[in-house]
Amino acid sequence: MPFFYMMLYQWFPKWKSYLVGIIIFSLFAAFVGETIFEWLGIYKLLKWKHIYSIPSYILLGIFVKVILQKLKTIETLSKGKG
């Protein structure tokens, strides 16, 4: 999953397109990815539905973008001072 968040960050630099990409990825991960992991015996649903995972995936994607933008800002500021 970190790979997909990384690719989304690179493919969609603007927030609006990034959010659309994250939502589509979240739907795919929740309904397709989790189903495949369940079928492989890696993931087991206990009182959980796939739709419950979607907000978590979206929030994680937003968190990733915010942190990376802050790191990018810090890098830019440090290059300007040196």
PDB file of N, CA and C in Angstrom:
ATOM      1  N   MET A   1       0.791  -1.206   0.000  1.00  0.00           N
ATOM      2  CA  MET A   1       0.000   0.000   0.000  1.00  0.00           C
ATOM      3  C   MET A   1       0.833   1.270   0.000  1.00  0.00           C
ATOM      4  N   PRO A   2       1.961   1.298   0.682  1.00  0.00           N
ATOM      5  CA  PRO A   2       2.758   2.530   0.622  1.00  0.00           C
ATOM      6  C   PRO A   2       3.143   2.892  -0.809  1.00  0.00           C
ATOM      7  N   PHE A   3       3.374   1.891  -1.633  1.00  0.00           N
ATOM      8  CA  PHE A   3       3.717   2.143  -3.031  1.00  0.00           C
ATOM      9  C   PHE A   3       2.598   2.910  -3.732  1.00  0.00           C
ATOM     10  N   PHE A   4       1.355   2.517  -3.512  1.00  0.00           N
ATOM     11  CA  PHE A   4       0.233   3.178  -4.179  1.00  0.00           C
ATOM     12  C   PHE A   4       0.045   4.609  -3.691  1.00  0.00           C
ATOM     13  N   TYR A   5       0.245   4.836  -2.396  1.00  0.00           N
ATOM     14  CA  TYR A   5       0.175   6.213  -1.891  1.00  0.00           C
ATOM     15  C   TYR A   5       1.284   7.062  -2.506  1.00  0.00           C
ATOM     16  N   MET A   6       2.455   6.479  -2.668  1.00  0.00           N
ATOM     17  CA  MET A   6       3.574   7.196  -3.275  1.00  0.00           C
ATOM     18  C   MET A   6       3.253   7.551  -4.737  1.00  0.00           C
ATOM     19  N   MET A   7       2.697   6.597  -5.454  1.00  0.00           N
ATOM     20  CA  MET A   7       2.369   6.855  -6.860  1.00  0.00           C
ATOM     21  C   MET A   7       1.272   7.909  -6.988  1.00  0.00           C
ATOM     22  N   LEU A   8       0.267   7.843  -6.139  1.00  0.00           N
ATOM     23  CA  LEU A   8      -0.794   8.855  -6.173  1.00  0.00           C
ATOM     24  C   LEU A   8      -0.237  10.239  -5.887  1.00  0.00           C
ATOM     25  N   TYR A   9       0.683  10.320  -4.936  1.00  0.00           N
ATOM     26  CA  TYR A   9       1.297  11.605  -4.603  1.00  0.00           C
ATOM     27  C   TYR A   9       2.047  12.171  -5.812  1.00  0.00           C
ATOM     28  N   GLN A  10       2.720  11.317  -6.560  1.00  0.00           N
ATOM     29  CA  GLN A  10       3.484  11.775  -7.719  1.00  0.00           C
ATOM     30  C   GLN A  10       2.587  12.085  -8.913  1.00  0.00           C
ATOM     31  N   TRP A  11       1.566  11.283  -9.129  1.00  0.00           N
ATOM     32  CA  TRP A  11       0.691  11.478 -10.290  1.00  0.00           C
ATOM     33  C   TRP A  11      -0.254  12.659 -10.144  1.00  0.00           C
ATOM     34  N   PHE A  12      -0.668  12.958  -8.910  1.00  0.00           N
ATOM     35  CA  PHE A  12      -1.651  14.009  -8.681  1.00  0.00           C
ATOM     36  C   PHE A  12      -1.096  15.067  -7.727  1.00  0.00           C
ATOM     37  N   PRO A  13      -0.336  16.033  -8.237  1.00  0.00           N
ATOM     38  CA  PRO A  13       0.278  17.031  -7.359  1.00  0.00           C
ATOM     39  C   PRO A  13      -0.721  18.034  -6.754  1.00  0.00           C
ATOM     40  N   LYS A  14      -1.834  18.263  -7.416  1.00  0.00           N
ATOM     41  CA  LYS A  14      -2.831  19.211  -6.904  1.00  0.00           C
ATOM     42  C   LYS A  14      -3.803  18.479  -5.975  1.00  0.00           C
ATOM     43  N   TRP A  15      -4.281  19.203  -4.948  1.00  0.00           N
ATOM     44  CA  TRP A  15      -5.135  18.596  -3.932  1.00  0.00           C
ATOM     45  C   TRP A  15      -6.422  18.004  -4.503  1.00  0.00           C
ATOM     46  N   LYS A  16      -7.072  18.709  -5.406  1.00  0.00           N
ATOM     47  CA  LYS A  16      -8.364  18.247  -5.923  1.00  0.00           C
ATOM     48  C   LYS A  16      -8.215  16.909  -6.640  1.00  0.00           C
ATOM     49  N   SER A  17      -7.259  16.825  -7.525  1.00  0.00           N
ATOM     50  CA  SER A  17      -7.062  15.573  -8.261  1.00  0.00           C
ATOM     51  C   SER A  17      -6.542  14.475  -7.334  1.00  0.00           C
ATOM     52  N   TYR A  18      -5.728  14.859  -6.345  1.00  0.00           N
ATOM     53  CA  TYR A  18      -5.215  13.885  -5.379  1.00  0.00           C
ATOM     54  C   TYR A  18      -6.362  13.270  -4.568  1.00  0.00           C
ATOM     55  N   LEU A  19      -7.297  14.093  -4.117  1.00  0.00           N
ATOM     56  CA  LEU A  19      -8.431  13.582  -3.347  1.00  0.00           C
ATOM     57  C   LEU A  19      -9.299  12.637  -4.169  1.00  0.00           C
ATOM     58  N   VAL A  20      -9.507  12.975  -5.437  1.00  0.00           N
ATOM     59  CA  VAL A  20     -10.264  12.073  -6.311  1.00  0.00           C
ATOM     60  C   VAL A  20      -9.521  10.746  -6.455  1.00  0.00           C
ATOM     61  N   GLY A  21      -8.210  10.816  -6.663  1.00  0.00           N
ATOM     62  CA  GLY A  21      -7.399   9.604  -6.775  1.00  0.00           C
ATOM     63  C   GLY A  21      -7.429   8.773  -5.506  1.00  0.00           C
ATOM     64  N   ILE A  22      -7.354   9.428  -4.355  1.00  0.00           N
ATOM     65  CA  ILE A  22      -7.386   8.724  -3.067  1.00  0.00           C
ATOM     66  C   ILE A  22      -8.734   8.044  -2.849  1.00  0.00           C
ATOM     67  N   ILE A  23      -9.798   8.712  -3.223  1.00  0.00           N
ATOM     68  CA  ILE A  23     -11.126   8.121  -3.062  1.00  0.00           C
ATOM     69  C   ILE A  23     -11.268   6.885  -3.940  1.00  0.00           C
ATOM     70  N   ILE A  24     -10.832   6.983  -5.190  1.00  0.00           N
ATOM     71  CA  ILE A  24     -10.893   5.829  -6.091  1.00  0.00           C
ATOM     72  C   ILE A  24     -10.005   4.702  -5.570  1.00  0.00           C
ATOM     73  N   PHE A  25      -8.809   5.038  -5.125  1.00  0.00           N
ATOM     74  CA  PHE A  25      -7.917   4.023  -4.560  1.00  0.00           C
ATOM     75  C   PHE A  25      -8.529   3.373  -3.321  1.00  0.00           C
ATOM     76  N   SER A  26      -9.160   4.179  -2.466  1.00  0.00           N
ATOM     77  CA  SER A  26      -9.769   3.658  -1.241  1.00  0.00           C
ATOM     78  C   SER A  26     -10.883   2.658  -1.556  1.00  0.00           C
ATOM     79  N   LEU A  27     -11.698   2.999  -2.527  1.00  0.00           N
ATOM     80  CA  LEU A  27     -12.759   2.077  -2.949  1.00  0.00           C
ATOM     81  C   LEU A  27     -12.165   0.780  -3.484  1.00  0.00           C
ATOM     82  N   PHE A  28     -11.138   0.904  -4.315  1.00  0.00           N
ATOM     83  CA  PHE A  28     -10.486  -0.276  -4.885  1.00  0.00           C
ATOM     84  C   PHE A  28      -9.842  -1.124  -3.792  1.00  0.00           C
ATOM     85  N   ALA A  29      -9.117  -0.483  -2.886  1.00  0.00           N
ATOM     86  CA  ALA A  29      -8.427  -1.211  -1.819  1.00  0.00           C
ATOM     87  C   ALA A  29      -9.424  -1.911  -0.893  1.00  0.00           C
ATOM     88  N   ALA A  30     -10.519  -1.230  -0.576  1.00  0.00           N
ATOM     89  CA  ALA A  30     -11.489  -1.799   0.357  1.00  0.00           C
ATOM     90  C   ALA A  30     -12.250  -2.972  -0.252  1.00  0.00           C
ATOM     91  N   PHE A  31     -12.691  -2.821  -1.484  1.00  0.00           N
ATOM     92  CA  PHE A  31     -13.551  -3.853  -2.052  1.00  0.00           C
ATOM     93  C   PHE A  31     -12.801  -4.909  -2.862  1.00  0.00           C
ATOM     94  N   VAL A  32     -11.731  -4.537  -3.526  1.00  0.00           N
ATOM     95  CA  VAL A  32     -10.979  -5.507  -4.329  1.00  0.00           C
ATOM     96  C   VAL A  32      -9.794  -6.052  -3.544  1.00  0.00           C
ATOM     97  N   GLY A  33      -8.962  -5.152  -3.021  1.00  0.00           N
ATOM     98  CA  GLY A  33      -7.760  -5.582  -2.304  1.00  0.00           C
ATOM     99  C   GLY A  33      -8.064  -6.423  -1.078  1.00  0.00           C
ATOM    100  N   GLU A  34      -8.970  -5.958  -0.254  1.00  0.00           N
ATOM    101  CA  GLU A  34      -9.314  -6.710   0.948  1.00  0.00           C
ATOM    102  C   GLU A  34      -9.981  -8.049   0.609  1.00  0.00           C
ATOM    103  N   THR A  35     -10.774  -8.076  -0.459  1.00  0.00           N
ATOM    104  CA  THR A  35     -11.402  -9.326  -0.886  1.00  0.00           C
ATOM    105  C   THR A  35     -10.354 -10.333  -1.336  1.00  0.00           C
ATOM    106  N   ILE A  36      -9.361  -9.865  -2.066  1.00  0.00           N
ATOM    107  CA  ILE A  36      -8.279 -10.756  -2.500  1.00  0.00           C
ATOM    108  C   ILE A  36      -7.500 -11.271  -1.296  1.00  0.00           C
ATOM    109  N   PHE A  37      -7.163 -10.390  -0.358  1.00  0.00           N
ATOM    110  CA  PHE A  37      -6.438 -10.816   0.850  1.00  0.00           C
ATOM    111  C   PHE A  37      -7.272 -11.793   1.678  1.00  0.00           C
ATOM    112  N   GLU A  38      -8.578 -11.577   1.705  1.00  0.00           N
ATOM    113  CA  GLU A  38      -9.456 -12.492   2.419  1.00  0.00           C
ATOM    114  C   GLU A  38      -9.467 -13.862   1.733  1.00  0.00           C
ATOM    115  N   TRP A  39      -9.539 -13.863   0.429  1.00  0.00           N
ATOM    116  CA  TRP A  39      -9.533 -15.098  -0.356  1.00  0.00           C
ATOM    117  C   TRP A  39      -8.225 -15.866  -0.174  1.00  0.00           C
ATOM    118  N   LEU A  40      -7.110 -15.132  -0.062  1.00  0.00           N
ATOM    119  CA  LEU A  40      -5.808 -15.761   0.138  1.00  0.00           C
ATOM    120  C   LEU A  40      -5.586 -16.225   1.579  1.00  0.00           C
ATOM    121  N   GLY A  41      -6.470 -15.852   2.482  1.00  0.00           N
ATOM    122  CA  GLY A  41      -6.345 -16.246   3.881  1.00  0.00           C
ATOM    123  C   GLY A  41      -5.435 -15.336   4.687  1.00  0.00           C
ATOM    124  N   ILE A  42      -5.084 -14.177   4.134  1.00  0.00           N
ATOM    125  CA  ILE A  42      -4.219 -13.212   4.814  1.00  0.00           C
ATOM    126  C   ILE A  42      -5.044 -12.303   5.725  1.00  0.00           C
ATOM    127  N   TYR A  43      -6.279 -12.070   5.358  1.00  0.00           N
ATOM    128  CA  TYR A  43      -7.142 -11.093   6.022  1.00  0.00           C
ATOM    129  C   TYR A  43      -8.459 -11.781   6.358  1.00  0.00           C
ATOM    130  N   LYS A  44      -8.957 -11.582   7.545  1.00  0.00           N
ATOM    131  CA  LYS A  44     -10.226 -12.180   7.938  1.00  0.00           C
ATOM    132  C   LYS A  44     -11.118 -11.108   8.555  1.00  0.00           C
ATOM    133  N   LEU A  45     -12.337 -11.029   8.053  1.00  0.00           N
ATOM    134  CA  LEU A  45     -13.289 -10.049   8.559  1.00  0.00           C
ATOM    135  C   LEU A  45     -13.968 -10.588   9.819  1.00  0.00           C
ATOM    136  N   LEU A  46     -13.849  -9.845  10.897  1.00  0.00           N
ATOM    137  CA  LEU A  46     -14.540 -10.166  12.140  1.00  0.00           C
ATOM    138  C   LEU A  46     -15.369  -8.951  12.532  1.00  0.00           C
ATOM    139  N   LYS A  47     -16.672  -9.033  12.362  1.00  0.00           N
ATOM    140  CA  LYS A  47     -17.568  -7.913  12.670  1.00  0.00           C
ATOM    141  C   LYS A  47     -17.131  -6.632  11.947  1.00  0.00           C
ATOM    142  N   TRP A  48     -16.686  -6.771  10.751  1.00  0.00           N
ATOM    143  CA  TRP A  48     -16.177  -5.651   9.968  1.00  0.00           C
ATOM    144  C   TRP A  48     -16.708  -5.773   8.554  1.00  0.00           C
ATOM    145  N   LYS A  49     -16.972  -4.655   7.931  1.00  0.00           N
ATOM    146  CA  LYS A  49     -17.396  -4.648   6.532  1.00  0.00           C
ATOM    147  C   LYS A  49     -16.379  -3.838   5.748  1.00  0.00           C
ATOM    148  N   HIS A  50     -16.239  -4.181   4.492  1.00  0.00           N
ATOM    149  CA  HIS A  50     -15.245  -3.511   3.655  1.00  0.00           C
ATOM    150  C   HIS A  50     -15.457  -1.996   3.615  1.00  0.00           C
ATOM    151  N   ILE A  51     -16.695  -1.571   3.637  1.00  0.00           N
ATOM    152  CA  ILE A  51     -16.986  -0.139   3.547  1.00  0.00           C
ATOM    153  C   ILE A  51     -16.436   0.636   4.742  1.00  0.00           C
ATOM    154  N   TYR A  52     -16.242  -0.031   5.881  1.00  0.00           N
ATOM    155  CA  TYR A  52     -15.682   0.637   7.060  1.00  0.00           C
ATOM    156  C   TYR A  52     -14.230   1.065   6.842  1.00  0.00           C
ATOM    157  N   SER A  53     -13.533   0.416   5.935  1.00  0.00           N
ATOM    158  CA  SER A  53     -12.117   0.709   5.698  1.00  0.00           C
ATOM    159  C   SER A  53     -11.898   1.970   4.856  1.00  0.00           C
ATOM    160  N   ILE A  54     -12.895   2.356   4.096  1.00  0.00           N
ATOM    161  CA  ILE A  54     -12.730   3.472   3.153  1.00  0.00           C
ATOM    162  C   ILE A  54     -12.310   4.768   3.849  1.00  0.00           C
ATOM    163  N   PRO A  55     -12.976   5.220   4.915  1.00  0.00           N
ATOM    164  CA  PRO A  55     -12.515   6.461   5.564  1.00  0.00           C
ATOM    165  C   PRO A  55     -11.071   6.369   6.075  1.00  0.00           C
ATOM    166  N   SER A  56     -10.683   5.194   6.555  1.00  0.00           N
ATOM    167  CA  SER A  56      -9.311   5.029   7.051  1.00  0.00           C
ATOM    168  C   SER A  56      -8.301   5.213   5.931  1.00  0.00           C
ATOM    169  N   TYR A  57      -8.581   4.612   4.779  1.00  0.00           N
ATOM    170  CA  TYR A  57      -7.673   4.750   3.638  1.00  0.00           C
ATOM    171  C   TYR A  57      -7.608   6.207   3.160  1.00  0.00           C
ATOM    172  N   ILE A  58      -8.734   6.888   3.158  1.00  0.00           N
ATOM    173  CA  ILE A  58      -8.760   8.292   2.731  1.00  0.00           C
ATOM    174  C   ILE A  58      -7.971   9.157   3.710  1.00  0.00           C
ATOM    175  N   LEU A  59      -8.230   8.983   5.002  1.00  0.00           N
ATOM    176  CA  LEU A  59      -7.506   9.767   6.008  1.00  0.00           C
ATOM    177  C   LEU A  59      -6.006   9.493   5.972  1.00  0.00           C
ATOM    178  N   LEU A  60      -5.629   8.253   5.754  1.00  0.00           N
ATOM    179  CA  LEU A  60      -4.210   7.918   5.641  1.00  0.00           C
ATOM    180  C   LEU A  60      -3.584   8.628   4.443  1.00  0.00           C
ATOM    181  N   GLY A  61      -4.292   8.659   3.323  1.00  0.00           N
ATOM    182  CA  GLY A  61      -3.793   9.355   2.137  1.00  0.00           C
ATOM    183  C   GLY A  61      -3.633  10.851   2.365  1.00  0.00           C
ATOM    184  N   ILE A  62      -4.589  11.457   3.050  1.00  0.00           N
ATOM    185  CA  ILE A  62      -4.501  12.886   3.364  1.00  0.00           C
ATOM    186  C   ILE A  62      -3.325  13.134   4.303  1.00  0.00           C
ATOM    187  N   PHE A  63      -3.172  12.289   5.308  1.00  0.00           N
ATOM    188  CA  PHE A  63      -2.058  12.401   6.249  1.00  0.00           C
ATOM    189  C   PHE A  63      -0.721  12.316   5.509  1.00  0.00           C
ATOM    190  N   VAL A  64      -0.604  11.382   4.590  1.00  0.00           N
ATOM    191  CA  VAL A  64       0.629  11.215   3.810  1.00  0.00           C
ATOM    192  C   VAL A  64       0.946  12.497   3.044  1.00  0.00           C
ATOM    193  N   LYS A  65      -0.053  13.058   2.355  1.00  0.00           N
ATOM    194  CA  LYS A  65       0.189  14.266   1.556  1.00  0.00           C
ATOM    195  C   LYS A  65       0.566  15.452   2.438  1.00  0.00           C
ATOM    196  N   VAL A  66      -0.105  15.628   3.573  1.00  0.00           N
ATOM    197  CA  VAL A  66       0.202  16.745   4.474  1.00  0.00           C
ATOM    198  C   VAL A  66       1.632  16.634   4.990  1.00  0.00           C
ATOM    199  N   ILE A  67       2.023  15.446   5.434  1.00  0.00           N
ATOM    200  CA  ILE A  67       3.384  15.251   5.960  1.00  0.00           C
ATOM    201  C   ILE A  67       4.418  15.498   4.867  1.00  0.00           C
ATOM    202  N   LEU A  68       4.185  14.969   3.680  1.00  0.00           N
ATOM    203  CA  LEU A  68       5.153  15.162   2.598  1.00  0.00           C
ATOM    204  C   LEU A  68       5.261  16.627   2.188  1.00  0.00           C
ATOM    205  N   GLN A  69       4.154  17.346   2.198  1.00  0.00           N
ATOM    206  CA  GLN A  69       4.210  18.771   1.874  1.00  0.00           C
ATOM    207  C   GLN A  69       4.970  19.551   2.943  1.00  0.00           C
ATOM    208  N   LYS A  70       4.788  19.195   4.204  1.00  0.00           N
ATOM    209  CA  LYS A  70       5.543  19.861   5.272  1.00  0.00           C
ATOM    210  C   LYS A  70       7.036  19.579   5.139  1.00  0.00           C
ATOM    211  N   LEU A  71       7.385  18.334   4.840  1.00  0.00           N
ATOM    212  CA  LEU A  71       8.794  17.991   4.636  1.00  0.00           C
ATOM    213  C   LEU A  71       9.380  18.733   3.437  1.00  0.00           C
ATOM    214  N   LYS A  72       8.584  18.863   2.389  1.00  0.00           N
ATOM    215  CA  LYS A  72       9.033  19.597   1.199  1.00  0.00           C
ATOM    216  C   LYS A  72       9.264  21.068   1.527  1.00  0.00           C
ATOM    217  N   THR A  73       8.395  21.650   2.334  1.00  0.00           N
ATOM    218  CA  THR A  73       8.546  23.050   2.760  1.00  0.00           C
ATOM    219  C   THR A  73       9.816  23.220   3.592  1.00  0.00           C
ATOM    220  N   ILE A  74      10.037  22.302   4.526  1.00  0.00           N
ATOM    221  CA  ILE A  74      11.247  22.358   5.366  1.00  0.00           C
ATOM    222  C   ILE A  74      12.492  22.248   4.497  1.00  0.00           C
ATOM    223  N   GLU A  75      12.466  21.356   3.506  1.00  0.00           N
ATOM    224  CA  GLU A  75      13.620  21.185   2.612  1.00  0.00           C
ATOM    225  C   GLU A  75      13.878  22.455   1.820  1.00  0.00           C
ATOM    226  N   THR A  76      12.814  23.078   1.320  1.00  0.00           N
ATOM    227  CA  THR A  76      12.956  24.311   0.549  1.00  0.00           C
ATOM    228  C   THR A  76      13.523  25.424   1.404  1.00  0.00           C
ATOM    229  N   LEU A  77      13.046  25.545   2.641  1.00  0.00           N
ATOM    230  CA  LEU A  77      13.561  26.581   3.552  1.00  0.00           C
ATOM    231  C   LEU A  77      15.035  26.350   3.910  1.00  0.00           C
ATOM    232  N   SER A  78      15.398  25.087   4.115  1.00  0.00           N
ATOM    233  CA  SER A  78      16.783  24.809   4.479  1.00  0.00           C
ATOM    234  C   SER A  78      17.732  25.037   3.307  1.00  0.00           C
ATOM    235  N   LYS A  79      17.271  24.836   2.095  1.00  0.00           N
ATOM    236  CA  LYS A  79      18.107  25.103   0.921  1.00  0.00           C
ATOM    237  C   LYS A  79      18.307  26.600   0.732  1.00  0.00           C
ATOM    238  N   GLY A  80      17.285  27.378   1.088  1.00  0.00           N
ATOM    239  CA  GLY A  80      17.387  28.827   0.962  1.00  0.00           C
ATOM    240  C   GLY A  80      18.366  29.437   1.953  1.00  0.00           C
ATOM    241  N   LYS A  81      18.535  28.821   3.107  1.00  0.00           N
ATOM    242  CA  LYS A  81      19.436  29.346   4.138  1.00  0.00           C
ATOM    243  C   LYS A  81      20.875  28.951   3.873  1.00  0.00           C
ATOM    244  N   GLY A  82      21.058  27.813   3.208  1.00  0.00           N
ATOM    245  CA  GLY A  82      22.419  27.307   3.032  1.00  0.00           C
ATOM    246  C   GLY A  82      22.992  27.732   1.784  1.00  0.00           C
TER     247      GLY A  82
END
